[in-house]
Amino acid sequence: MTLLAASALTKAPLWYVTRSTAVIAFVLMTLTFALGLAATQRAIASPSWPRFATQQLHRNVSLLGFLFLLTHIVTTLADSYVSVGWWSWIVPFVSGYRSAWVGLGTLAFDTLVVVIVTSLLRDRLPLRLWRAVHWSSYLIWPLAFVHFVKTGTDAAHGRWGLYLAVVCLLLVGVAATARWVTPNEPRGPVRSVGRVR
């Protein structure tokens, strides 16, 4: 079995890197979305786990997921297994392969880039503008979810990727429920970034 896997990897290394980075990026984006939902309403804030820790974890996991996503895009474009087209990484619905589903992934990526850039410039932007742009991040995960399920071979025909997608959907559902049932007041003295030395 190991010999068979090694043989397949040497024949199509970019395809396997594309698949693996897609899975990792999707899982990290799911964690990012769930942490963002939970941090917004202090759903998991407590004296032992301050809100800023969740927010910092949210940012770091988001950037790590973005790196895996970039690797996924680059290897997909470089691989000759399917013809996606070089413009499809930034222009939605122009892919030569499953254009509708790849286009949803492109929309998710474009939105993610805008959210990350404006978040990095948050101190220089008006708060209302930053909030308006950041609200668009609620579109990223559903778009990525459909892209993952409909484009990837691992989620097709009841394969393990489909089960992974269901688990990620449940995680987001739990985080969303925690957000909407938790009041927006801290349950105790919650430390902020300014108070930590």
N, C-alpha and C. Protein backbone atom coordinates (compact mmCIF):
# COMPACT_ATOMS: atom_id res chain seq x y z
N MET A 1 0.83 -1.20 0.00
CA MET A 1 0.00 0.00 0.00
C MET A 1 0.87 1.26 0.00
N THR A 2 1.90 1.26 0.84
CA THR A 2 2.81 2.41 0.89
C THR A 2 3.53 2.60 -0.42
N LEU A 3 3.93 1.48 -1.06
CA LEU A 3 4.60 1.52 -2.35
C LEU A 3 3.68 2.09 -3.42
N LEU A 4 2.42 1.70 -3.36
CA LEU A 4 1.43 2.20 -4.32
C LEU A 4 1.23 3.71 -4.16
N ALA A 5 1.14 4.17 -2.91
CA ALA A 5 0.96 5.60 -2.64
C ALA A 5 2.18 6.39 -3.10
N ALA A 6 3.38 5.86 -2.84
CA ALA A 6 4.61 6.54 -3.26
C ALA A 6 4.69 6.62 -4.77
N SER A 7 4.27 5.54 -5.45
CA SER A 7 4.28 5.53 -6.91
C SER A 7 3.31 6.57 -7.47
N ALA A 8 2.12 6.65 -6.89
CA ALA A 8 1.13 7.63 -7.34
C ALA A 8 1.62 9.05 -7.08
N LEU A 9 2.27 9.27 -5.95
CA LEU A 9 2.78 10.60 -5.61
C LEU A 9 3.85 11.05 -6.58
N THR A 10 4.73 10.12 -7.01
CA THR A 10 5.78 10.51 -7.95
C THR A 10 5.23 10.78 -9.34
N LYS A 11 4.09 10.16 -9.69
CA LYS A 11 3.49 10.38 -11.01
C LYS A 11 2.72 11.70 -11.08
N ALA A 12 2.10 12.10 -9.98
CA ALA A 12 1.29 13.33 -9.99
C ALA A 12 1.46 14.10 -8.69
N PRO A 13 2.68 14.59 -8.41
CA PRO A 13 2.93 15.24 -7.12
C PRO A 13 2.10 16.51 -6.91
N LEU A 14 1.94 17.33 -7.96
CA LEU A 14 1.18 18.57 -7.80
C LEU A 14 -0.28 18.30 -7.47
N TRP A 15 -0.83 17.25 -8.06
CA TRP A 15 -2.23 16.93 -7.80
C TRP A 15 -2.43 16.55 -6.34
N TYR A 16 -1.50 15.80 -5.78
CA TYR A 16 -1.61 15.42 -4.37
C TYR A 16 -1.37 16.61 -3.44
N VAL A 17 -0.46 17.49 -3.81
CA VAL A 17 -0.23 18.71 -3.01
C VAL A 17 -1.48 19.59 -3.07
N THR A 18 -2.07 19.70 -4.26
CA THR A 18 -3.30 20.48 -4.41
C THR A 18 -4.41 19.93 -3.52
N ARG A 19 -4.60 18.62 -3.55
CA ARG A 19 -5.65 17.99 -2.73
C ARG A 19 -5.38 18.18 -1.24
N SER A 20 -4.16 17.91 -0.82
CA SER A 20 -3.87 17.98 0.62
C SER A 20 -3.95 19.41 1.14
N THR A 21 -3.45 20.37 0.38
CA THR A 21 -3.52 21.76 0.84
C THR A 21 -4.95 22.28 0.82
N ALA A 22 -5.78 21.76 -0.09
CA ALA A 22 -7.20 22.14 -0.10
C ALA A 22 -7.88 21.68 1.18
N VAL A 23 -7.60 20.45 1.58
CA VAL A 23 -8.20 19.91 2.81
C VAL A 23 -7.74 20.70 4.02
N ILE A 24 -6.43 20.93 4.12
CA ILE A 24 -5.89 21.66 5.27
C ILE A 24 -6.43 23.09 5.30
N ALA A 25 -6.45 23.75 4.15
CA ALA A 25 -6.97 25.13 4.09
C ALA A 25 -8.44 25.18 4.49
N PHE A 26 -9.23 24.21 4.04
CA PHE A 26 -10.65 24.20 4.38
C PHE A 26 -10.86 23.98 5.87
N VAL A 27 -10.10 23.07 6.46
CA VAL A 27 -10.22 22.83 7.91
C VAL A 27 -9.80 24.07 8.69
N LEU A 28 -8.70 24.71 8.28
CA LEU A 28 -8.24 25.92 8.98
C LEU A 28 -9.23 27.08 8.80
N MET A 29 -9.82 27.20 7.61
CA MET A 29 -10.83 28.24 7.41
C MET A 29 -12.09 27.97 8.23
N THR A 30 -12.41 26.69 8.41
CA THR A 30 -13.55 26.34 9.28
C THR A 30 -13.25 26.76 10.72
N LEU A 31 -12.04 26.46 11.19
CA LEU A 31 -11.66 26.87 12.54
C LEU A 31 -11.66 28.39 12.68
N THR A 32 -11.17 29.07 11.65
CA THR A 32 -11.15 30.54 11.65
C THR A 32 -12.57 31.09 11.78
N PHE A 33 -13.47 30.56 10.98
CA PHE A 33 -14.86 31.02 10.99
C PHE A 33 -15.51 30.74 12.33
N ALA A 34 -15.29 29.54 12.86
CA ALA A 34 -15.88 29.17 14.15
C ALA A 34 -15.32 30.04 15.28
N LEU A 35 -14.01 30.29 15.27
CA LEU A 35 -13.41 31.15 16.29
C LEU A 35 -13.91 32.59 16.16
N GLY A 36 -14.07 33.06 14.92
CA GLY A 36 -14.59 34.41 14.71
C GLY A 36 -16.01 34.55 15.24
N LEU A 37 -16.83 33.54 14.99
CA LEU A 37 -18.19 33.56 15.52
C LEU A 37 -18.19 33.55 17.04
N ALA A 38 -17.38 32.69 17.62
CA ALA A 38 -17.35 32.55 19.08
C ALA A 38 -16.77 33.79 19.75
N ALA A 39 -15.76 34.41 19.14
CA ALA A 39 -15.11 35.58 19.75
C ALA A 39 -16.01 36.80 19.71
N THR A 40 -16.87 36.91 18.70
CA THR A 40 -17.69 38.09 18.53
C THR A 40 -18.62 38.32 19.71
N GLN A 41 -19.25 37.28 20.19
CA GLN A 41 -20.21 37.43 21.28
C GLN A 41 -19.65 36.93 22.62
N ARG A 42 -18.35 36.85 22.74
CA ARG A 42 -17.71 36.39 23.98
C ARG A 42 -18.18 34.99 24.38
N ALA A 43 -18.53 34.18 23.38
CA ALA A 43 -19.11 32.87 23.67
C ALA A 43 -18.17 31.97 24.46
N ILE A 44 -16.88 32.12 24.25
CA ILE A 44 -15.95 31.27 24.99
C ILE A 44 -15.01 32.08 25.87
N ALA A 45 -15.36 33.35 26.12
CA ALA A 45 -14.53 34.18 26.99
C ALA A 45 -14.83 33.88 28.45
N SER A 46 -13.80 33.88 29.24
CA SER A 46 -13.94 33.66 30.68
C SER A 46 -12.67 34.22 31.34
N PRO A 47 -12.63 34.28 32.67
CA PRO A 47 -11.41 34.76 33.31
C PRO A 47 -10.18 33.93 32.96
N SER A 48 -10.38 32.63 32.71
CA SER A 48 -9.22 31.79 32.37
C SER A 48 -8.91 31.78 30.88
N TRP A 49 -9.85 32.20 30.05
CA TRP A 49 -9.61 32.27 28.60
C TRP A 49 -10.15 33.61 28.11
N PRO A 50 -9.29 34.65 28.10
CA PRO A 50 -9.77 35.99 27.74
C PRO A 50 -10.16 36.09 26.26
N ARG A 51 -11.00 37.08 25.99
CA ARG A 51 -11.50 37.28 24.63
C ARG A 51 -10.37 37.54 23.63
N PHE A 52 -9.36 38.30 24.05
CA PHE A 52 -8.29 38.63 23.11
C PHE A 52 -7.53 37.38 22.68
N ALA A 53 -7.50 36.34 23.54
CA ALA A 53 -6.81 35.09 23.16
C ALA A 53 -7.55 34.42 22.01
N THR A 54 -8.88 34.43 22.06
CA THR A 54 -9.67 33.86 20.97
C THR A 54 -9.48 34.69 19.70
N GLN A 55 -9.46 36.01 19.84
CA GLN A 55 -9.27 36.87 18.67
C GLN A 55 -7.89 36.67 18.05
N GLN A 56 -6.87 36.56 18.90
CA GLN A 56 -5.52 36.34 18.38
C GLN A 56 -5.41 34.98 17.69
N LEU A 57 -6.00 33.96 18.29
CA LEU A 57 -6.01 32.64 17.69
C LEU A 57 -6.76 32.68 16.35
N HIS A 58 -7.87 33.40 16.32
CA HIS A 58 -8.65 33.58 15.10
C HIS A 58 -7.78 34.19 13.98
N ARG A 59 -7.03 35.23 14.31
CA ARG A 59 -6.17 35.88 13.31
C ARG A 59 -5.05 34.96 12.84
N ASN A 60 -4.39 34.29 13.77
CA ASN A 60 -3.26 33.44 13.41
C ASN A 60 -3.69 32.22 12.59
N VAL A 61 -4.79 31.61 12.97
CA VAL A 61 -5.29 30.46 12.20
C VAL A 61 -5.73 30.92 10.82
N SER A 62 -6.31 32.11 10.74
CA SER A 62 -6.72 32.68 9.45
C SER A 62 -5.52 32.86 8.52
N LEU A 63 -4.44 33.42 9.04
CA LEU A 63 -3.26 33.63 8.20
C LEU A 63 -2.61 32.31 7.79
N LEU A 64 -2.60 31.34 8.70
CA LEU A 64 -2.05 30.02 8.36
C LEU A 64 -2.91 29.37 7.28
N GLY A 65 -4.22 29.46 7.43
CA GLY A 65 -5.11 28.92 6.41
C GLY A 65 -4.91 29.60 5.06
N PHE A 66 -4.65 30.91 5.10
CA PHE A 66 -4.42 31.66 3.87
C PHE A 66 -3.16 31.17 3.15
N LEU A 67 -2.13 30.83 3.91
CA LEU A 67 -0.89 30.30 3.30
C LEU A 67 -1.14 28.96 2.62
N PHE A 68 -1.90 28.09 3.28
CA PHE A 68 -2.24 26.81 2.65
C PHE A 68 -3.13 27.03 1.43
N LEU A 69 -4.02 28.01 1.51
CA LEU A 69 -4.89 28.32 0.38
C LEU A 69 -4.07 28.82 -0.81
N LEU A 70 -3.09 29.68 -0.57
CA LEU A 70 -2.22 30.14 -1.65
C LEU A 70 -1.47 28.98 -2.29
N THR A 71 -0.97 28.06 -1.45
CA THR A 71 -0.28 26.88 -1.98
C THR A 71 -1.23 26.04 -2.83
N HIS A 72 -2.46 25.89 -2.35
CA HIS A 72 -3.48 25.16 -3.11
C HIS A 72 -3.71 25.80 -4.48
N ILE A 73 -3.82 27.11 -4.51
CA ILE A 73 -4.08 27.82 -5.77
C ILE A 73 -2.90 27.69 -6.72
N VAL A 74 -1.69 27.91 -6.21
CA VAL A 74 -0.50 27.86 -7.07
C VAL A 74 -0.31 26.46 -7.65
N THR A 75 -0.46 25.43 -6.82
CA THR A 75 -0.26 24.07 -7.33
C THR A 75 -1.39 23.66 -8.28
N THR A 76 -2.60 24.16 -8.05
CA THR A 76 -3.70 23.87 -8.98
C THR A 76 -3.43 24.49 -10.34
N LEU A 77 -2.95 25.72 -10.35
CA LEU A 77 -2.66 26.41 -11.60
C LEU A 77 -1.47 25.78 -12.33
N ALA A 78 -0.49 25.30 -11.55
CA ALA A 78 0.71 24.71 -12.16
C ALA A 78 0.49 23.28 -12.64
N ASP A 79 -0.48 22.59 -12.07
CA ASP A 79 -0.73 21.20 -12.42
C ASP A 79 -1.47 21.11 -13.76
N SER A 80 -1.13 20.09 -14.53
CA SER A 80 -1.77 19.90 -15.83
C SER A 80 -2.88 18.84 -15.76
N TYR A 81 -3.20 18.37 -14.56
CA TYR A 81 -4.22 17.32 -14.42
C TYR A 81 -5.58 17.80 -14.93
N VAL A 82 -5.94 19.04 -14.58
CA VAL A 82 -7.14 19.67 -15.13
C VAL A 82 -6.76 21.07 -15.63
N SER A 83 -7.51 21.55 -16.61
CA SER A 83 -7.25 22.88 -17.15
C SER A 83 -8.14 23.90 -16.44
N VAL A 84 -7.55 24.60 -15.48
CA VAL A 84 -8.30 25.58 -14.72
C VAL A 84 -8.18 26.96 -15.35
N GLY A 85 -7.00 27.30 -15.82
CA GLY A 85 -6.77 28.61 -16.42
C GLY A 85 -6.18 29.58 -15.40
N TRP A 86 -5.19 30.34 -15.83
CA TRP A 86 -4.47 31.21 -14.91
C TRP A 86 -5.31 32.34 -14.35
N TRP A 87 -6.30 32.83 -15.10
CA TRP A 87 -7.12 33.93 -14.61
C TRP A 87 -8.14 33.50 -13.56
N SER A 88 -8.38 32.20 -13.49
CA SER A 88 -9.45 31.71 -12.61
C SER A 88 -9.14 31.89 -11.13
N TRP A 89 -7.91 32.18 -10.78
CA TRP A 89 -7.58 32.37 -9.36
C TRP A 89 -8.07 33.73 -8.85
N ILE A 90 -8.37 34.66 -9.78
CA ILE A 90 -8.82 35.99 -9.36
C ILE A 90 -10.13 36.42 -10.02
N VAL A 91 -10.43 35.90 -11.21
CA VAL A 91 -11.66 36.24 -11.92
C VAL A 91 -12.63 35.06 -11.80
N PRO A 92 -13.76 35.24 -11.13
CA PRO A 92 -14.69 34.12 -10.93
C PRO A 92 -15.33 33.64 -12.24
N PHE A 93 -15.60 32.35 -12.29
CA PHE A 93 -16.39 31.69 -13.34
C PHE A 93 -15.75 31.71 -14.72
N VAL A 94 -14.42 31.77 -14.80
CA VAL A 94 -13.74 31.67 -16.09
C VAL A 94 -12.92 30.39 -16.21
N SER A 95 -13.01 29.53 -15.21
CA SER A 95 -12.24 28.29 -15.22
C SER A 95 -12.72 27.35 -16.32
N GLY A 96 -11.77 26.63 -16.90
CA GLY A 96 -12.11 25.62 -17.89
C GLY A 96 -12.58 24.32 -17.25
N TYR A 97 -12.50 24.23 -15.94
CA TYR A 97 -12.88 23.02 -15.20
C TYR A 97 -13.92 23.38 -14.15
N ARG A 98 -15.11 22.81 -14.25
CA ARG A 98 -16.18 23.06 -13.28
C ARG A 98 -16.29 24.54 -12.92
N SER A 99 -16.53 25.35 -13.93
CA SER A 99 -16.42 26.80 -13.78
C SER A 99 -17.31 27.37 -12.67
N ALA A 100 -18.52 26.84 -12.48
CA ALA A 100 -19.39 27.37 -11.43
C ALA A 100 -18.81 27.12 -10.05
N TRP A 101 -18.35 25.90 -9.81
CA TRP A 101 -17.85 25.53 -8.47
C TRP A 101 -16.48 26.13 -8.20
N VAL A 102 -15.62 26.18 -9.22
CA VAL A 102 -14.32 26.84 -9.06
C VAL A 102 -14.54 28.34 -8.87
N GLY A 103 -15.54 28.90 -9.57
CA GLY A 103 -15.86 30.32 -9.43
C GLY A 103 -16.26 30.70 -8.02
N LEU A 104 -16.99 29.80 -7.33
CA LEU A 104 -17.34 30.07 -5.94
C LEU A 104 -16.10 30.10 -5.06
N GLY A 105 -15.15 29.22 -5.34
CA GLY A 105 -13.87 29.25 -4.61
C GLY A 105 -13.11 30.54 -4.88
N THR A 106 -13.17 31.02 -6.13
CA THR A 106 -12.51 32.28 -6.48
C THR A 106 -13.16 33.45 -5.74
N LEU A 107 -14.49 33.46 -5.68
CA LEU A 107 -15.19 34.51 -4.93
C LEU A 107 -14.80 34.49 -3.45
N ALA A 108 -14.69 33.29 -2.88
CA ALA A 108 -14.28 33.17 -1.48
C ALA A 108 -12.87 33.71 -1.30
N PHE A 109 -11.96 33.38 -2.23
CA PHE A 109 -10.58 33.85 -2.15
C PHE A 109 -10.51 35.37 -2.28
N ASP A 110 -11.21 35.93 -3.27
CA ASP A 110 -11.19 37.38 -3.46
C ASP A 110 -11.71 38.11 -2.22
N THR A 111 -12.79 37.60 -1.65
CA THR A 111 -13.35 38.21 -0.44
C THR A 111 -12.38 38.10 0.72
N LEU A 112 -11.74 36.93 0.83
CA LEU A 112 -10.76 36.73 1.90
C LEU A 112 -9.60 37.71 1.79
N VAL A 113 -9.11 37.94 0.58
CA VAL A 113 -8.00 38.89 0.38
C VAL A 113 -8.42 40.28 0.85
N VAL A 114 -9.61 40.71 0.48
CA VAL A 114 -10.09 42.04 0.88
C VAL A 114 -10.22 42.12 2.40
N VAL A 115 -10.75 41.07 3.02
CA VAL A 115 -10.92 41.07 4.48
C VAL A 115 -9.55 41.11 5.17
N ILE A 116 -8.60 40.32 4.69
CA ILE A 116 -7.27 40.29 5.32
C ILE A 116 -6.56 41.64 5.15
N VAL A 117 -6.60 42.20 3.95
CA VAL A 117 -5.92 43.49 3.71
C VAL A 117 -6.53 44.58 4.59
N THR A 118 -7.85 44.65 4.65
CA THR A 118 -8.47 45.68 5.47
C THR A 118 -8.26 45.43 6.97
N SER A 119 -8.12 44.17 7.35
CA SER A 119 -7.84 43.87 8.76
C SER A 119 -6.42 44.28 9.12
N LEU A 120 -5.48 44.09 8.20
CA LEU A 120 -4.11 44.54 8.45
C LEU A 120 -4.02 46.06 8.52
N LEU A 121 -4.93 46.74 7.82
CA LEU A 121 -4.96 48.21 7.82
C LEU A 121 -6.04 48.76 8.75
N ARG A 122 -6.51 47.95 9.66
CA ARG A 122 -7.65 48.32 10.51
C ARG A 122 -7.44 49.64 11.26
N ASP A 123 -6.24 49.87 11.76
CA ASP A 123 -5.97 51.10 12.52
C ASP A 123 -6.00 52.35 11.64
N ARG A 124 -5.89 52.18 10.32
CA ARG A 124 -5.87 53.33 9.42
C ARG A 124 -7.21 53.55 8.72
N LEU A 125 -8.16 52.66 8.95
CA LEU A 125 -9.46 52.76 8.30
C LEU A 125 -10.53 53.21 9.29
N PRO A 126 -11.55 53.90 8.81
CA PRO A 126 -12.68 54.21 9.70
C PRO A 126 -13.32 52.89 10.16
N LEU A 127 -13.71 52.86 11.43
CA LEU A 127 -14.27 51.64 12.02
C LEU A 127 -15.49 51.15 11.25
N ARG A 128 -16.34 52.07 10.80
CA ARG A 128 -17.55 51.66 10.07
C ARG A 128 -17.20 50.98 8.76
N LEU A 129 -16.18 51.47 8.07
CA LEU A 129 -15.75 50.86 6.81
C LEU A 129 -15.18 49.48 7.06
N TRP A 130 -14.30 49.39 8.07
CA TRP A 130 -13.71 48.09 8.39
C TRP A 130 -14.80 47.08 8.74
N ARG A 131 -15.77 47.49 9.56
CA ARG A 131 -16.86 46.58 9.95
C ARG A 131 -17.66 46.13 8.74
N ALA A 132 -17.96 47.06 7.86
CA ALA A 132 -18.74 46.73 6.66
C ALA A 132 -18.02 45.69 5.81
N VAL A 133 -16.71 45.89 5.64
CA VAL A 133 -15.93 44.93 4.85
C VAL A 133 -15.84 43.60 5.60
N HIS A 134 -15.63 43.66 6.90
CA HIS A 134 -15.46 42.42 7.68
C HIS A 134 -16.76 41.60 7.71
N TRP A 135 -17.90 42.25 7.61
CA TRP A 135 -19.16 41.51 7.54
C TRP A 135 -19.20 40.60 6.32
N SER A 136 -18.50 40.98 5.26
CA SER A 136 -18.47 40.13 4.06
C SER A 136 -17.77 38.80 4.31
N SER A 137 -17.03 38.72 5.41
CA SER A 137 -16.36 37.45 5.73
C SER A 137 -17.35 36.33 6.01
N TYR A 138 -18.60 36.69 6.32
CA TYR A 138 -19.61 35.66 6.53
C TYR A 138 -19.95 34.91 5.24
N LEU A 139 -19.56 35.45 4.10
CA LEU A 139 -19.77 34.78 2.83
C LEU A 139 -18.67 33.77 2.52
N ILE A 140 -17.50 33.97 3.07
CA ILE A 140 -16.33 33.18 2.69
C ILE A 140 -16.54 31.70 2.97
N TRP A 141 -16.92 31.37 4.21
CA TRP A 141 -17.00 29.96 4.55
C TRP A 141 -18.07 29.21 3.75
N PRO A 142 -19.31 29.74 3.61
CA PRO A 142 -20.28 29.00 2.78
C PRO A 142 -19.81 28.80 1.34
N LEU A 143 -19.17 29.82 0.76
CA LEU A 143 -18.65 29.67 -0.60
C LEU A 143 -17.56 28.61 -0.65
N ALA A 144 -16.66 28.63 0.34
CA ALA A 144 -15.59 27.63 0.39
C ALA A 144 -16.15 26.23 0.62
N PHE A 145 -17.20 26.13 1.42
CA PHE A 145 -17.83 24.85 1.70
C PHE A 145 -18.38 24.22 0.41
N VAL A 146 -19.14 25.01 -0.35
CA VAL A 146 -19.71 24.49 -1.60
C VAL A 146 -18.59 24.17 -2.58
N HIS A 147 -17.58 25.02 -2.66
CA HIS A 147 -16.43 24.76 -3.53
C HIS A 147 -15.75 23.44 -3.16
N PHE A 148 -15.54 23.22 -1.87
CA PHE A 148 -14.88 22.00 -1.38
C PHE A 148 -15.71 20.75 -1.73
N VAL A 149 -17.02 20.84 -1.51
CA VAL A 149 -17.88 19.67 -1.73
C VAL A 149 -18.06 19.38 -3.22
N LYS A 150 -18.22 20.41 -4.05
CA LYS A 150 -18.55 20.21 -5.45
C LYS A 150 -17.34 20.11 -6.38
N THR A 151 -16.20 20.66 -5.97
CA THR A 151 -15.03 20.65 -6.84
C THR A 151 -14.07 19.52 -6.50
N GLY A 152 -13.88 19.28 -5.24
CA GLY A 152 -12.88 18.31 -4.81
C GLY A 152 -13.30 16.87 -5.04
N THR A 153 -12.35 16.05 -5.42
CA THR A 153 -12.61 14.63 -5.63
C THR A 153 -12.77 13.88 -4.31
N ASP A 154 -12.23 14.43 -3.23
CA ASP A 154 -12.31 13.75 -1.95
C ASP A 154 -13.71 13.80 -1.34
N ALA A 155 -14.51 14.77 -1.75
CA ALA A 155 -15.87 14.89 -1.21
C ALA A 155 -16.90 14.25 -2.13
N ALA A 156 -16.48 13.84 -3.32
CA ALA A 156 -17.42 13.28 -4.28
C ALA A 156 -17.77 11.82 -3.95
N HIS A 157 -18.98 11.43 -4.30
CA HIS A 157 -19.43 10.04 -4.21
C HIS A 157 -19.30 9.45 -2.80
N GLY A 158 -19.57 10.26 -1.78
CA GLY A 158 -19.56 9.74 -0.41
C GLY A 158 -18.20 9.38 0.13
N ARG A 159 -17.15 9.95 -0.44
CA ARG A 159 -15.80 9.68 0.07
C ARG A 159 -15.58 10.40 1.39
N TRP A 160 -14.41 10.18 2.00
CA TRP A 160 -14.12 10.71 3.32
C TRP A 160 -14.20 12.24 3.37
N GLY A 161 -13.96 12.92 2.26
CA GLY A 161 -14.04 14.38 2.24
C GLY A 161 -15.44 14.88 2.53
N LEU A 162 -16.44 14.10 2.14
CA LEU A 162 -17.81 14.47 2.43
C LEU A 162 -18.07 14.41 3.94
N TYR A 163 -17.54 13.39 4.60
CA TYR A 163 -17.69 13.30 6.06
C TYR A 163 -16.96 14.45 6.75
N LEU A 164 -15.80 14.80 6.23
CA LEU A 164 -15.06 15.94 6.78
C LEU A 164 -15.88 17.22 6.63
N ALA A 165 -16.51 17.40 5.47
CA ALA A 165 -17.33 18.58 5.23
C ALA A 165 -18.51 18.63 6.21
N VAL A 166 -19.11 17.49 6.49
CA VAL A 166 -20.23 17.44 7.44
C VAL A 166 -19.75 17.80 8.84
N VAL A 167 -18.59 17.29 9.26
CA VAL A 167 -18.03 17.62 10.58
C VAL A 167 -17.76 19.11 10.67
N CYS A 168 -17.20 19.70 9.60
CA CYS A 168 -16.93 21.14 9.59
C CYS A 168 -18.23 21.93 9.66
N LEU A 169 -19.26 21.46 8.97
CA LEU A 169 -20.57 22.12 9.01
C LEU A 169 -21.14 22.08 10.43
N LEU A 170 -21.00 20.95 11.10
CA LEU A 170 -21.48 20.83 12.48
C LEU A 170 -20.71 21.76 13.41
N LEU A 171 -19.39 21.87 13.22
CA LEU A 171 -18.57 22.76 14.05
C LEU A 171 -19.02 24.21 13.89
N VAL A 172 -19.25 24.63 12.65
CA VAL A 172 -19.73 25.99 12.40
C VAL A 172 -21.11 26.18 13.01
N GLY A 173 -21.95 25.16 12.92
CA GLY A 173 -23.28 25.24 13.52
C GLY A 173 -23.22 25.41 15.03
N VAL A 174 -22.32 24.69 15.69
CA VAL A 174 -22.15 24.81 17.14
C VAL A 174 -21.65 26.21 17.49
N ALA A 175 -20.67 26.72 16.73
CA ALA A 175 -20.14 28.06 16.99
C ALA A 175 -21.21 29.13 16.78
N ALA A 176 -22.01 28.98 15.71
CA ALA A 176 -23.08 29.94 15.45
C ALA A 176 -24.12 29.91 16.56
N THR A 177 -24.48 28.71 17.01
CA THR A 177 -25.44 28.58 18.11
C THR A 177 -24.91 29.22 19.38
N ALA A 178 -23.63 28.96 19.69
CA ALA A 178 -23.01 29.56 20.88
C ALA A 178 -23.02 31.07 20.78
N ARG A 179 -22.82 31.58 19.59
CA ARG A 179 -22.82 33.05 19.42
C ARG A 179 -24.19 33.64 19.70
N TRP A 180 -25.23 33.03 19.17
CA TRP A 180 -26.55 33.63 19.28
C TRP A 180 -27.25 33.36 20.60
N VAL A 181 -26.80 32.38 21.36
CA VAL A 181 -27.43 32.14 22.66
C VAL A 181 -26.64 32.76 23.81
N THR A 182 -25.44 33.26 23.52
CA THR A 182 -24.61 33.87 24.55
C THR A 182 -24.79 35.38 24.52
N PRO A 183 -25.13 35.99 25.67
CA PRO A 183 -25.23 37.46 25.69
C PRO A 183 -23.87 38.10 25.43
N ASN A 184 -23.90 39.32 24.98
CA ASN A 184 -22.66 40.01 24.63
C ASN A 184 -22.00 40.68 25.83
N GLU A 185 -22.25 40.17 27.01
CA GLU A 185 -21.56 40.68 28.19
C GLU A 185 -20.64 39.60 28.72
N PRO A 186 -19.49 39.98 29.25
CA PRO A 186 -18.59 38.98 29.81
C PRO A 186 -19.22 38.30 31.03
N ARG A 187 -18.87 37.01 31.23
CA ARG A 187 -19.42 36.26 32.36
C ARG A 187 -18.62 36.48 33.63
N GLY A 188 -17.64 37.26 33.58
CA GLY A 188 -16.79 37.55 34.73
C GLY A 188 -15.80 38.59 34.29
N PRO A 189 -14.79 38.86 35.10
CA PRO A 189 -13.78 39.82 34.66
C PRO A 189 -12.99 39.26 33.49
N VAL A 190 -13.20 39.83 32.31
CA VAL A 190 -12.51 39.36 31.11
C VAL A 190 -11.38 40.32 30.80
N ARG A 191 -10.18 39.77 30.72
CA ARG A 191 -9.02 40.61 30.46
C ARG A 191 -9.02 41.10 29.03
N SER A 192 -8.54 42.31 28.83
CA SER A 192 -8.42 42.84 27.47
C SER A 192 -6.94 42.96 27.14
N VAL A 193 -6.65 43.29 25.88
CA VAL A 193 -5.26 43.38 25.45
C VAL A 193 -4.52 44.45 26.22
N GLY A 194 -5.18 45.55 26.52
CA GLY A 194 -4.53 46.66 27.21
C GLY A 194 -4.13 46.33 28.64
N ARG A 195 -4.79 45.36 29.25
CA ARG A 195 -4.49 45.05 30.64
C ARG A 195 -3.42 43.98 30.81
N VAL A 196 -3.04 43.33 29.70
CA VAL A 196 -2.05 42.27 29.81
C VAL A 196 -0.66 42.87 29.73
N ARG A 197 0.22 42.44 30.60
CA ARG A 197 1.59 42.96 30.57
C ARG A 197 2.52 41.91 30.05
